[in-house]
PDB file of N, CA and C in Angstrom:
ATOM      1  N   LYS A   1      12.564   6.989  -1.211  1.00  0.00           N
ATOM      2  CA  LYS A   1      13.766   6.360  -1.692  1.00  0.00           C
ATOM      3  C   LYS A   1      13.663   4.855  -1.463  1.00  0.00           C
ATOM      4  N   PHE A   2      13.911   4.087  -2.495  1.00  0.00           N
ATOM      5  CA  PHE A   2      13.786   2.640  -2.386  1.00  0.00           C
ATOM      6  C   PHE A   2      14.764   2.039  -1.391  1.00  0.00           C
ATOM      7  N   TRP A   3      15.896   2.667  -1.178  1.00  0.00           N
ATOM      8  CA  TRP A   3      16.871   2.120  -0.245  1.00  0.00           C
ATOM      9  C   TRP A   3      16.486   2.384   1.206  1.00  0.00           C
ATOM     10  N   ASP A   4      15.441   3.161   1.460  1.00  0.00           N
ATOM     11  CA  ASP A   4      14.956   3.402   2.824  1.00  0.00           C
ATOM     12  C   ASP A   4      13.942   2.358   3.288  1.00  0.00           C
ATOM     13  N   VAL A   5      13.537   1.466   2.395  1.00  0.00           N
ATOM     14  CA  VAL A   5      12.517   0.469   2.721  1.00  0.00           C
ATOM     15  C   VAL A   5      13.071  -0.936   2.498  1.00  0.00           C
ATOM     16  N   GLU A   6      12.381  -1.918   3.083  1.00  0.00           N
ATOM     17  CA  GLU A   6      12.780  -3.314   2.894  1.00  0.00           C
ATOM     18  C   GLU A   6      11.520  -4.150   2.687  1.00  0.00           C
ATOM     19  N   PRO A   7      11.646  -5.308   2.042  1.00  0.00           N
ATOM     20  CA  PRO A   7      10.482  -6.160   1.817  1.00  0.00           C
ATOM     21  C   PRO A   7       9.785  -6.503   3.139  1.00  0.00           C
ATOM     22  N   ARG A   8       8.454  -6.376   3.176  1.00  0.00           N
ATOM     23  CA  ARG A   8       7.695  -6.649   4.403  1.00  0.00           C
ATOM     24  C   ARG A   8       6.350  -7.304   4.077  1.00  0.00           C
ATOM     25  N   LEU A   9       6.377  -8.415   3.391  1.00  0.00           N
ATOM     26  CA  LEU A   9       5.135  -9.130   3.103  1.00  0.00           C
ATOM     27  C   LEU A   9       4.404  -9.556   4.368  1.00  0.00           C
ATOM     28  N   ASP A  10       5.129  -9.640   5.496  1.00  0.00           N
ATOM     29  CA  ASP A  10       4.517 -10.045   6.758  1.00  0.00           C
ATOM     30  C   ASP A  10       3.477  -9.029   7.251  1.00  0.00           C
ATOM     31  N   LEU A  11       3.487  -7.808   6.716  1.00  0.00           N
ATOM     32  CA  LEU A  11       2.519  -6.790   7.125  1.00  0.00           C
ATOM     33  C   LEU A  11       1.234  -6.850   6.302  1.00  0.00           C
ATOM     34  N   LEU A  12       1.189  -7.735   5.291  1.00  0.00           N
ATOM     35  CA  LEU A  12      -0.002  -7.881   4.461  1.00  0.00           C
ATOM     36  C   LEU A  12      -0.801  -9.103   4.879  1.00  0.00           C
ATOM     37  N   SER A  13      -2.109  -8.980   4.795  1.00  0.00           N
ATOM     38  CA  SER A  13      -2.995 -10.125   5.045  1.00  0.00           C
ATOM     39  C   SER A  13      -4.016 -10.193   3.910  1.00  0.00           C
ATOM     40  N   ALA A  14      -4.714 -11.300   3.831  1.00  0.00           N
ATOM     41  CA  ALA A  14      -5.706 -11.542   2.767  1.00  0.00           C
ATOM     42  C   ALA A  14      -5.072 -11.335   1.391  1.00  0.00           C
ATOM     43  N   ARG A  15      -3.828 -11.752   1.263  1.00  0.00           N
ATOM     44  CA  ARG A  15      -3.071 -11.591   0.022  1.00  0.00           C
ATOM     45  C   ARG A  15      -3.027 -12.908  -0.725  1.00  0.00           C
ATOM     46  N   ASP A  16      -3.469 -12.897  -1.990  1.00  0.00           N
ATOM     47  CA  ASP A  16      -3.350 -14.068  -2.844  1.00  0.00           C
ATOM     48  C   ASP A  16      -1.930 -14.136  -3.403  1.00  0.00           C
ATOM     49  N   GLU A  17      -1.533 -15.316  -3.849  1.00  0.00           N
ATOM     50  CA  GLU A  17      -0.209 -15.470  -4.438  1.00  0.00           C
ATOM     51  C   GLU A  17      -0.058 -14.548  -5.644  1.00  0.00           C
ATOM     52  N   ASP A  18       1.053 -13.837  -5.718  1.00  0.00           N
ATOM     53  CA  ASP A  18       1.382 -12.913  -6.801  1.00  0.00           C
ATOM     54  C   ASP A  18       0.347 -11.791  -6.966  1.00  0.00           C
ATOM     55  N   GLU A  19      -0.380 -11.467  -5.908  1.00  0.00           N
ATOM     56  CA  GLU A  19      -1.368 -10.384  -5.975  1.00  0.00           C
ATOM     57  C   GLU A  19      -0.751  -9.030  -5.665  1.00  0.00           C
ATOM     58  N   ALA A  20       0.028  -8.973  -4.582  1.00  0.00           N
ATOM     59  CA  ALA A  20       0.569  -7.694  -4.133  1.00  0.00           C
ATOM     60  C   ALA A  20       1.882  -7.920  -3.401  1.00  0.00           C
ATOM     61  N   TYR A  21       2.717  -6.883  -3.417  1.00  0.00           N
ATOM     62  CA  TYR A  21       4.016  -6.910  -2.756  1.00  0.00           C
ATOM     63  C   TYR A  21       4.195  -5.617  -1.981  1.00  0.00           C
ATOM     64  N   LEU A  22       4.915  -5.696  -0.862  1.00  0.00           N
ATOM     65  CA  LEU A  22       5.078  -4.524  -0.006  1.00  0.00           C
ATOM     66  C   LEU A  22       6.535  -4.361   0.401  1.00  0.00           C
ATOM     67  N   ALA A  23       6.997  -3.121   0.330  1.00  0.00           N
ATOM     68  CA  ALA A  23       8.272  -2.725   0.919  1.00  0.00           C
ATOM     69  C   ALA A  23       7.935  -1.601   1.888  1.00  0.00           C
ATOM     70  N   ALA A  24       8.618  -1.559   3.037  1.00  0.00           N
ATOM     71  CA  ALA A  24       8.216  -0.578   4.047  1.00  0.00           C
ATOM     72  C   ALA A  24       9.338  -0.188   4.987  1.00  0.00           C
ATOM     73  N   LYS A  25       9.172   0.967   5.561  1.00  0.00           N
ATOM     74  CA  LYS A  25       9.858   1.402   6.761  1.00  0.00           C
ATOM     75  C   LYS A  25       8.706   1.629   7.724  1.00  0.00           C
ATOM     76  N   PRO A  26       8.305   0.577   8.475  1.00  0.00           N
ATOM     77  CA  PRO A  26       7.064   0.591   9.241  1.00  0.00           C
ATOM     78  C   PRO A  26       6.866   1.853  10.086  1.00  0.00           C
ATOM     79  N   GLY A  27       5.629   2.360   9.988  1.00  0.00           N
ATOM     80  CA  GLY A  27       5.252   3.558  10.710  1.00  0.00           C
ATOM     81  C   GLY A  27       5.579   4.839   9.982  1.00  0.00           C
ATOM     82  N   LYS A  28       6.367   4.734   8.914  1.00  0.00           N
ATOM     83  CA  LYS A  28       6.784   5.936   8.184  1.00  0.00           C
ATOM     84  C   LYS A  28       6.376   5.922   6.720  1.00  0.00           C
ATOM     85  N   LYS A  29       6.778   4.863   5.987  1.00  0.00           N
ATOM     86  CA  LYS A  29       6.471   4.812   4.564  1.00  0.00           C
ATOM     87  C   LYS A  29       6.345   3.379   4.081  1.00  0.00           C
ATOM     88  N   TYR A  30       5.463   3.222   3.100  1.00  0.00           N
ATOM     89  CA  TYR A  30       5.159   1.916   2.533  1.00  0.00           C
ATOM     90  C   TYR A  30       5.010   2.081   1.025  1.00  0.00           C
ATOM     91  N   ILE A  31       5.477   1.084   0.280  1.00  0.00           N
ATOM     92  CA  ILE A  31       5.265   1.038  -1.163  1.00  0.00           C
ATOM     93  C   ILE A  31       4.549  -0.276  -1.446  1.00  0.00           C
ATOM     94  N   LEU A  32       3.314  -0.181  -1.891  1.00  0.00           N
ATOM     95  CA  LEU A  32       2.473  -1.348  -2.135  1.00  0.00           C
ATOM     96  C   LEU A  32       2.262  -1.487  -3.635  1.00  0.00           C
ATOM     97  N   TYR A  33       2.657  -2.634  -4.193  1.00  0.00           N
ATOM     98  CA  TYR A  33       2.538  -2.896  -5.628  1.00  0.00           C
ATOM     99  C   TYR A  33       1.519  -3.996  -5.860  1.00  0.00           C
ATOM    100  N   PHE A  34       0.506  -3.705  -6.688  1.00  0.00           N
ATOM    101  CA  PHE A  34      -0.475  -4.702  -7.103  1.00  0.00           C
ATOM    102  C   PHE A  34      -0.151  -5.132  -8.527  1.00  0.00           C
ATOM    103  N   THR A  35      -0.003  -6.436  -8.758  1.00  0.00           N
ATOM    104  CA  THR A  35       0.231  -6.944 -10.098  1.00  0.00           C
ATOM    105  C   THR A  35      -1.063  -6.879 -10.895  1.00  0.00           C
ATOM    106  N   GLN A  36      -0.950  -7.001 -12.188  1.00  0.00           N
ATOM    107  CA  GLN A  36      -2.131  -6.963 -13.040  1.00  0.00           C
ATOM    108  C   GLN A  36      -3.028  -8.173 -12.789  1.00  0.00           C
ATOM    109  N   GLN A  37      -2.447  -9.299 -12.427  1.00  0.00           N
ATOM    110  CA  GLN A  37      -3.224 -10.519 -12.217  1.00  0.00           C
ATOM    111  C   GLN A  37      -3.907 -10.571 -10.852  1.00  0.00           C
ATOM    112  N   GLY A  38      -3.526  -9.709  -9.944  1.00  0.00           N
ATOM    113  CA  GLY A  38      -4.035  -9.777  -8.574  1.00  0.00           C
ATOM    114  C   GLY A  38      -5.501  -9.433  -8.451  1.00  0.00           C
ATOM    115  N   GLY A  39      -6.097  -9.839  -7.318  1.00  0.00           N
ATOM    116  CA  GLY A  39      -7.505  -9.607  -7.081  1.00  0.00           C
ATOM    117  C   GLY A  39      -7.856  -8.179  -6.725  1.00  0.00           C
ATOM    118  N   GLY A  40      -6.918  -7.443  -6.117  1.00  0.00           N
ATOM    119  CA  GLY A  40      -7.174  -6.038  -5.894  1.00  0.00           C
ATOM    120  C   GLY A  40      -7.398  -5.574  -4.479  1.00  0.00           C
ATOM    121  N   THR A  41      -7.356  -6.473  -3.476  1.00  0.00           N
ATOM    122  CA  THR A  41      -7.584  -6.068  -2.095  1.00  0.00           C
ATOM    123  C   THR A  41      -6.651  -6.828  -1.168  1.00  0.00           C
ATOM    124  N   VAL A  42      -5.999  -6.097  -0.259  1.00  0.00           N
ATOM    125  CA  VAL A  42      -5.173  -6.718   0.782  1.00  0.00           C
ATOM    126  C   VAL A  42      -5.395  -5.969   2.084  1.00  0.00           C
ATOM    127  N   GLY A  43      -4.999  -6.594   3.185  1.00  0.00           N
ATOM    128  CA  GLY A  43      -5.022  -5.930   4.480  1.00  0.00           C
ATOM    129  C   GLY A  43      -3.619  -5.448   4.813  1.00  0.00           C
ATOM    130  N   LEU A  44      -3.502  -4.226   5.334  1.00  0.00           N
ATOM    131  CA  LEU A  44      -2.210  -3.667   5.742  1.00  0.00           C
ATOM    132  C   LEU A  44      -2.238  -3.465   7.248  1.00  0.00           C
ATOM    133  N   ASN A  45      -1.285  -4.087   7.937  1.00  0.00           N
ATOM    134  CA  ASN A  45      -1.221  -4.030   9.396  1.00  0.00           C
ATOM    135  C   ASN A  45      -0.601  -2.711   9.857  1.00  0.00           C
ATOM    136  N   LEU A  46      -1.429  -1.861  10.478  1.00  0.00           N
ATOM    137  CA  LEU A  46      -0.972  -0.599  11.064  1.00  0.00           C
ATOM    138  C   LEU A  46      -1.314  -0.556  12.553  1.00  0.00           C
ATOM    139  N   GLU A  47      -1.408  -1.725  13.186  1.00  0.00           N
ATOM    140  CA  GLU A  47      -1.846  -1.837  14.576  1.00  0.00           C
ATOM    141  C   GLU A  47      -1.011  -1.026  15.556  1.00  0.00           C
ATOM    142  N   GLU A  48       0.255  -0.862  15.294  1.00  0.00           N
ATOM    143  CA  GLU A  48       1.136  -0.180  16.245  1.00  0.00           C
ATOM    144  C   GLU A  48       1.124   1.340  16.109  1.00  0.00           C
ATOM    145  N   TYR A  49       0.330   1.881  15.192  1.00  0.00           N
ATOM    146  CA  TYR A  49       0.442   3.306  14.873  1.00  0.00           C
ATOM    147  C   TYR A  49      -0.891   4.044  14.994  1.00  0.00           C
ATOM    148  N   GLU A  50      -1.630   3.806  16.079  1.00  0.00           N
ATOM    149  CA  GLU A  50      -2.955   4.396  16.208  1.00  0.00           C
ATOM    150  C   GLU A  50      -2.943   5.915  16.338  1.00  0.00           C
ATOM    151  N   GLU A  51      -1.816   6.505  16.669  1.00  0.00           N
ATOM    152  CA  GLU A  51      -1.715   7.959  16.806  1.00  0.00           C
ATOM    153  C   GLU A  51      -1.416   8.647  15.464  1.00  0.00           C
ATOM    154  N   ARG A  52      -1.182   7.881  14.407  1.00  0.00           N
ATOM    155  CA  ARG A  52      -0.756   8.467  13.138  1.00  0.00           C
ATOM    156  C   ARG A  52      -1.836   8.390  12.076  1.00  0.00           C
ATOM    157  N   ARG A  53      -1.711   9.298  11.121  1.00  0.00           N
ATOM    158  CA  ARG A  53      -2.535   9.288   9.921  1.00  0.00           C
ATOM    159  C   ARG A  53      -1.590   9.096   8.737  1.00  0.00           C
ATOM    160  N   PHE A  54      -2.077   8.428   7.704  1.00  0.00           N
ATOM    161  CA  PHE A  54      -1.261   8.095   6.542  1.00  0.00           C
ATOM    162  C   PHE A  54      -1.943   8.554   5.256  1.00  0.00           C
ATOM    163  N   ASN A  55      -1.162   9.136   4.350  1.00  0.00           N
ATOM    164  CA  ASN A  55      -1.644   9.501   3.015  1.00  0.00           C
ATOM    165  C   ASN A  55      -1.400   8.323   2.082  1.00  0.00           C
ATOM    166  N   ILE A  56      -2.398   7.995   1.273  1.00  0.00           N
ATOM    167  CA  ILE A  56      -2.249   6.955   0.245  1.00  0.00           C
ATOM    168  C   ILE A  56      -2.401   7.617  -1.114  1.00  0.00           C
ATOM    169  N   SER A  57      -1.377   7.501  -1.952  1.00  0.00           N
ATOM    170  CA  SER A  57      -1.410   8.032  -3.318  1.00  0.00           C
ATOM    171  C   SER A  57      -1.243   6.876  -4.293  1.00  0.00           C
ATOM    172  N   TRP A  58      -2.095   6.827  -5.309  1.00  0.00           N
ATOM    173  CA  TRP A  58      -2.072   5.747  -6.295  1.00  0.00           C
ATOM    174  C   TRP A  58      -1.448   6.209  -7.602  1.00  0.00           C
ATOM    175  N   ILE A  59      -0.626   5.343  -8.190  1.00  0.00           N
ATOM    176  CA  ILE A  59      -0.004   5.609  -9.483  1.00  0.00           C
ATOM    177  C   ILE A  59      -0.278   4.414 -10.397  1.00  0.00           C
ATOM    178  N   ASN A  60      -0.799   4.686 -11.591  1.00  0.00           N
ATOM    179  CA  ASN A  60      -0.986   3.655 -12.594  1.00  0.00           C
ATOM    180  C   ASN A  60       0.369   3.412 -13.242  1.00  0.00           C
ATOM    181  N   VAL A  61       0.916   2.216 -13.102  1.00  0.00           N
ATOM    182  CA  VAL A  61       2.258   1.910 -13.593  1.00  0.00           C
ATOM    183  C   VAL A  61       2.332   2.026 -15.117  1.00  0.00           C
ATOM    184  N   GLU A  62       1.266   1.659 -15.803  1.00  0.00           N
ATOM    185  CA  GLU A  62       1.286   1.672 -17.262  1.00  0.00           C
ATOM    186  C   GLU A  62       1.302   3.078 -17.839  1.00  0.00           C
ATOM    187  N   THR A  63       0.601   4.013 -17.194  1.00  0.00           N
ATOM    188  CA  THR A  63       0.517   5.382 -17.723  1.00  0.00           C
ATOM    189  C   THR A  63       1.418   6.366 -16.981  1.00  0.00           C
ATOM    190  N   GLY A  64       1.814   6.024 -15.756  1.00  0.00           N
ATOM    191  CA  GLY A  64       2.606   6.929 -14.939  1.00  0.00           C
ATOM    192  C   GLY A  64       1.797   8.047 -14.316  1.00  0.00           C
ATOM    193  N   LYS A  65       0.480   7.980 -14.424  1.00  0.00           N
ATOM    194  CA  LYS A  65      -0.383   9.048 -13.921  1.00  0.00           C
ATOM    195  C   LYS A  65      -0.884   8.740 -12.514  1.00  0.00           C
ATOM    196  N   PHE A  66      -0.994   9.807 -11.711  1.00  0.00           N
ATOM    197  CA  PHE A  66      -1.593   9.677 -10.394  1.00  0.00           C
ATOM    198  C   PHE A  66      -3.090   9.482 -10.559  1.00  0.00           C
ATOM    199  N   HIS A  67      -3.669   8.658  -9.700  1.00  0.00           N
ATOM    200  CA  HIS A  67      -5.103   8.383  -9.781  1.00  0.00           C
ATOM    201  C   HIS A  67      -5.869   9.097  -8.687  1.00  0.00           C
ATOM    202  N   SER A  68      -5.480   8.898  -7.451  1.00  0.00           N
ATOM    203  CA  SER A  68      -6.221   9.505  -6.344  1.00  0.00           C
ATOM    204  C   SER A  68      -5.350   9.533  -5.100  1.00  0.00           C
ATOM    205  N   GLU A  69      -5.830  10.266  -4.107  1.00  0.00           N
ATOM    206  CA  GLU A  69      -5.150  10.311  -2.816  1.00  0.00           C
ATOM    207  C   GLU A  69      -6.214  10.272  -1.724  1.00  0.00           C
ATOM    208  N   THR A  70      -5.954   9.462  -0.695  1.00  0.00           N
ATOM    209  CA  THR A  70      -6.859   9.377   0.451  1.00  0.00           C
ATOM    210  C   THR A  70      -6.025   9.380   1.726  1.00  0.00           C
ATOM    211  N   VAL A  71      -6.712   9.501   2.852  1.00  0.00           N
ATOM    212  CA  VAL A  71      -6.063   9.488   4.163  1.00  0.00           C
ATOM    213  C   VAL A  71      -6.709   8.395   5.001  1.00  0.00           C
ATOM    214  N   ILE A  72      -5.871   7.618   5.699  1.00  0.00           N
ATOM    215  CA  ILE A  72      -6.366   6.615   6.641  1.00  0.00           C
ATOM    216  C   ILE A  72      -5.704   6.843   7.993  1.00  0.00           C
ATOM    217  N   SER A  73      -6.348   6.354   9.027  1.00  0.00           N
ATOM    218  CA  SER A  73      -5.772   6.424  10.367  1.00  0.00           C
ATOM    219  C   SER A  73      -5.024   5.140  10.656  1.00  0.00           C
ATOM    220  N   GLY A  74      -3.974   5.252  11.479  1.00  0.00           N
ATOM    221  CA  GLY A  74      -3.258   4.066  11.920  1.00  0.00           C
ATOM    222  C   GLY A  74      -4.144   3.262  12.858  1.00  0.00           C
ATOM    223  N   SER A  75      -3.651   2.163  13.316  1.00  0.00           N
ATOM    224  CA  SER A  75      -4.315   1.190  14.190  1.00  0.00           C
ATOM    225  C   SER A  75      -5.087   0.174  13.365  1.00  0.00           C
ATOM    226  N   GLY A  76      -5.034  -1.033  13.791  1.00  0.00           N
ATOM    227  CA  GLY A  76      -5.768  -2.107  13.133  1.00  0.00           C
ATOM    228  C   GLY A  76      -5.186  -2.504  11.792  1.00  0.00           C
ATOM    229  N   ILE A  77      -5.955  -3.338  11.116  1.00  0.00           N
ATOM    230  CA  ILE A  77      -5.587  -3.785   9.777  1.00  0.00           C
ATOM    231  C   ILE A  77      -6.529  -3.092   8.811  1.00  0.00           C
ATOM    232  N   HIS A  78      -5.970  -2.322   7.901  1.00  0.00           N
ATOM    233  CA  HIS A  78      -6.767  -1.573   6.938  1.00  0.00           C
ATOM    234  C   HIS A  78      -6.854  -2.331   5.634  1.00  0.00           C
ATOM    235  N   THR A  79      -8.056  -2.404   5.086  1.00  0.00           N
ATOM    236  CA  THR A  79      -8.251  -2.999   3.775  1.00  0.00           C
ATOM    237  C   THR A  79      -7.881  -1.968   2.729  1.00  0.00           C
ATOM    238  N   ILE A  80      -6.952  -2.329   1.865  1.00  0.00           N
ATOM    239  CA  ILE A  80      -6.498  -1.447   0.795  1.00  0.00           C
ATOM    240  C   ILE A  80      -7.028  -2.017  -0.519  1.00  0.00           C
ATOM    241  N   ASN A  81      -7.848  -1.220  -1.221  1.00  0.00           N
ATOM    242  CA  ASN A  81      -8.431  -1.609  -2.501  1.00  0.00           C
ATOM    243  C   ASN A  81      -7.770  -0.810  -3.613  1.00  0.00           C
ATOM    244  N   ARG A  82      -7.244  -1.488  -4.597  1.00  0.00           N
ATOM    245  CA  ARG A  82      -6.663  -0.746  -5.713  1.00  0.00           C
ATOM    246  C   ARG A  82      -7.773  -0.150  -6.574  1.00  0.00           C
ATOM    247  N   PRO A  83      -7.457   0.884  -7.373  1.00  0.00           N
ATOM    248  CA  PRO A  83      -8.489   1.581  -8.142  1.00  0.00           C
ATOM    249  C   PRO A  83      -9.242   0.710  -9.146  1.00  0.00           C
ATOM    250  N   ASP A  84      -8.561  -0.221  -9.813  1.00  0.00           N
ATOM    251  CA  ASP A  84      -9.235  -1.164 -10.708  1.00  0.00           C
ATOM    252  C   ASP A  84      -8.401  -2.426 -10.820  1.00  0.00           C
ATOM    253  N   GLU A  85      -8.968  -3.444 -11.443  1.00  0.00           N
ATOM    254  CA  GLU A  85      -8.266  -4.728 -11.549  1.00  0.00           C
ATOM    255  C   GLU A  85      -7.680  -4.951 -12.934  1.00  0.00           C
ATOM    256  N   ILE A  86      -7.559  -3.894 -13.720  1.00  0.00           N
ATOM    257  CA  ILE A  86      -7.066  -4.032 -15.083  1.00  0.00           C
ATOM    258  C   ILE A  86      -5.570  -3.761 -15.175  1.00  0.00           C
ATOM    259  N   ALA A  87      -5.102  -2.721 -14.491  1.00  0.00           N
ATOM    260  CA  ALA A  87      -3.714  -2.275 -14.629  1.00  0.00           C
ATOM    261  C   ALA A  87      -2.871  -2.679 -13.425  1.00  0.00           C
ATOM    262  N   HIS A  88      -1.560  -2.490 -13.571  1.00  0.00           N
ATOM    263  CA  HIS A  88      -0.635  -2.589 -12.447  1.00  0.00           C
ATOM    264  C   HIS A  88      -0.745  -1.274 -11.677  1.00  0.00           C
ATOM    265  N   TRP A  89      -0.778  -1.337 -10.341  1.00  0.00           N
ATOM    266  CA  TRP A  89      -0.901  -0.140  -9.509  1.00  0.00           C
ATOM    267  C   TRP A  89       0.153  -0.133  -8.412  1.00  0.00           C
ATOM    268  N   VAL A  90       0.626   1.064  -8.079  1.00  0.00           N
ATOM    269  CA  VAL A  90       1.513   1.259  -6.939  1.00  0.00           C
ATOM    270  C   VAL A  90       0.867   2.293  -6.029  1.00  0.00           C
ATOM    271  N   ALA A  91       0.841   1.981  -4.744  1.00  0.00           N
ATOM    272  CA  ALA A  91       0.379   2.946  -3.750  1.00  0.00           C
ATOM    273  C   ALA A  91       1.568   3.343  -2.895  1.00  0.00           C
ATOM    274  N   THR A  92       1.749   4.646  -2.716  1.00  0.00           N
ATOM    275  CA  THR A  92       2.719   5.114  -1.737  1.00  0.00           C
ATOM    276  C   THR A  92       1.906   5.516  -0.516  1.00  0.00           C
ATOM    277  N   ILE A  93       2.290   4.984   0.621  1.00  0.00           N
ATOM    278  CA  ILE A  93       1.569   5.224   1.876  1.00  0.00           C
ATOM    279  C   ILE A  93       2.578   5.855   2.839  1.00  0.00           C
ATOM    280  N   THR A  94       2.351   7.121   3.163  1.00  0.00           N
ATOM    281  CA  THR A  94       3.320   7.857   3.980  1.00  0.00           C
ATOM    282  C   THR A  94       2.657   8.465   5.192  1.00  0.00           C
ATOM    283  N   ALA A  95       3.366   8.420   6.305  1.00  0.00           N
ATOM    284  CA  ALA A  95       2.867   9.005   7.555  1.00  0.00           C
ATOM    285  C   ALA A  95       2.855  10.517   7.445  1.00  0.00           C
ATOM    286  N   GLN A  96       1.789  11.121   7.952  1.00  0.00           N
ATOM    287  CA  GLN A  96       1.741  12.579   8.018  1.00  0.00           C
ATOM    288  C   GLN A  96       2.639  13.050   9.142  1.00  0.00           C
ATOM    289  N   GLU A  97       3.309  14.144   8.936  1.00  0.00           N
ATOM    290  CA  GLU A  97       4.207  14.709   9.961  1.00  0.00           C
ATOM    291  C   GLU A  97       3.410  15.460  11.001  1.00  0.00           C
TER     292      GLU A  97
END
């Protein structure tokens, strides 16, 4: 739910201007949007959550189709690479229960 998250650009690193935007409820859920003009890679700060694992699901904004799903561990800054640099992409990143 979009009303459960708030803008959190402070959790992104290696972000170019107008490359990516983040809304989050830290430790629980994140919505990462890559613009079409962006370079395609940012760092996501998960340093406080080393005990958690997170699912990342990609959606192509232009087609509405899911692309892939992966799992990452919390802790540190994770490099998030979008599937390609042609389309707009949204990643939903959610903590596993």
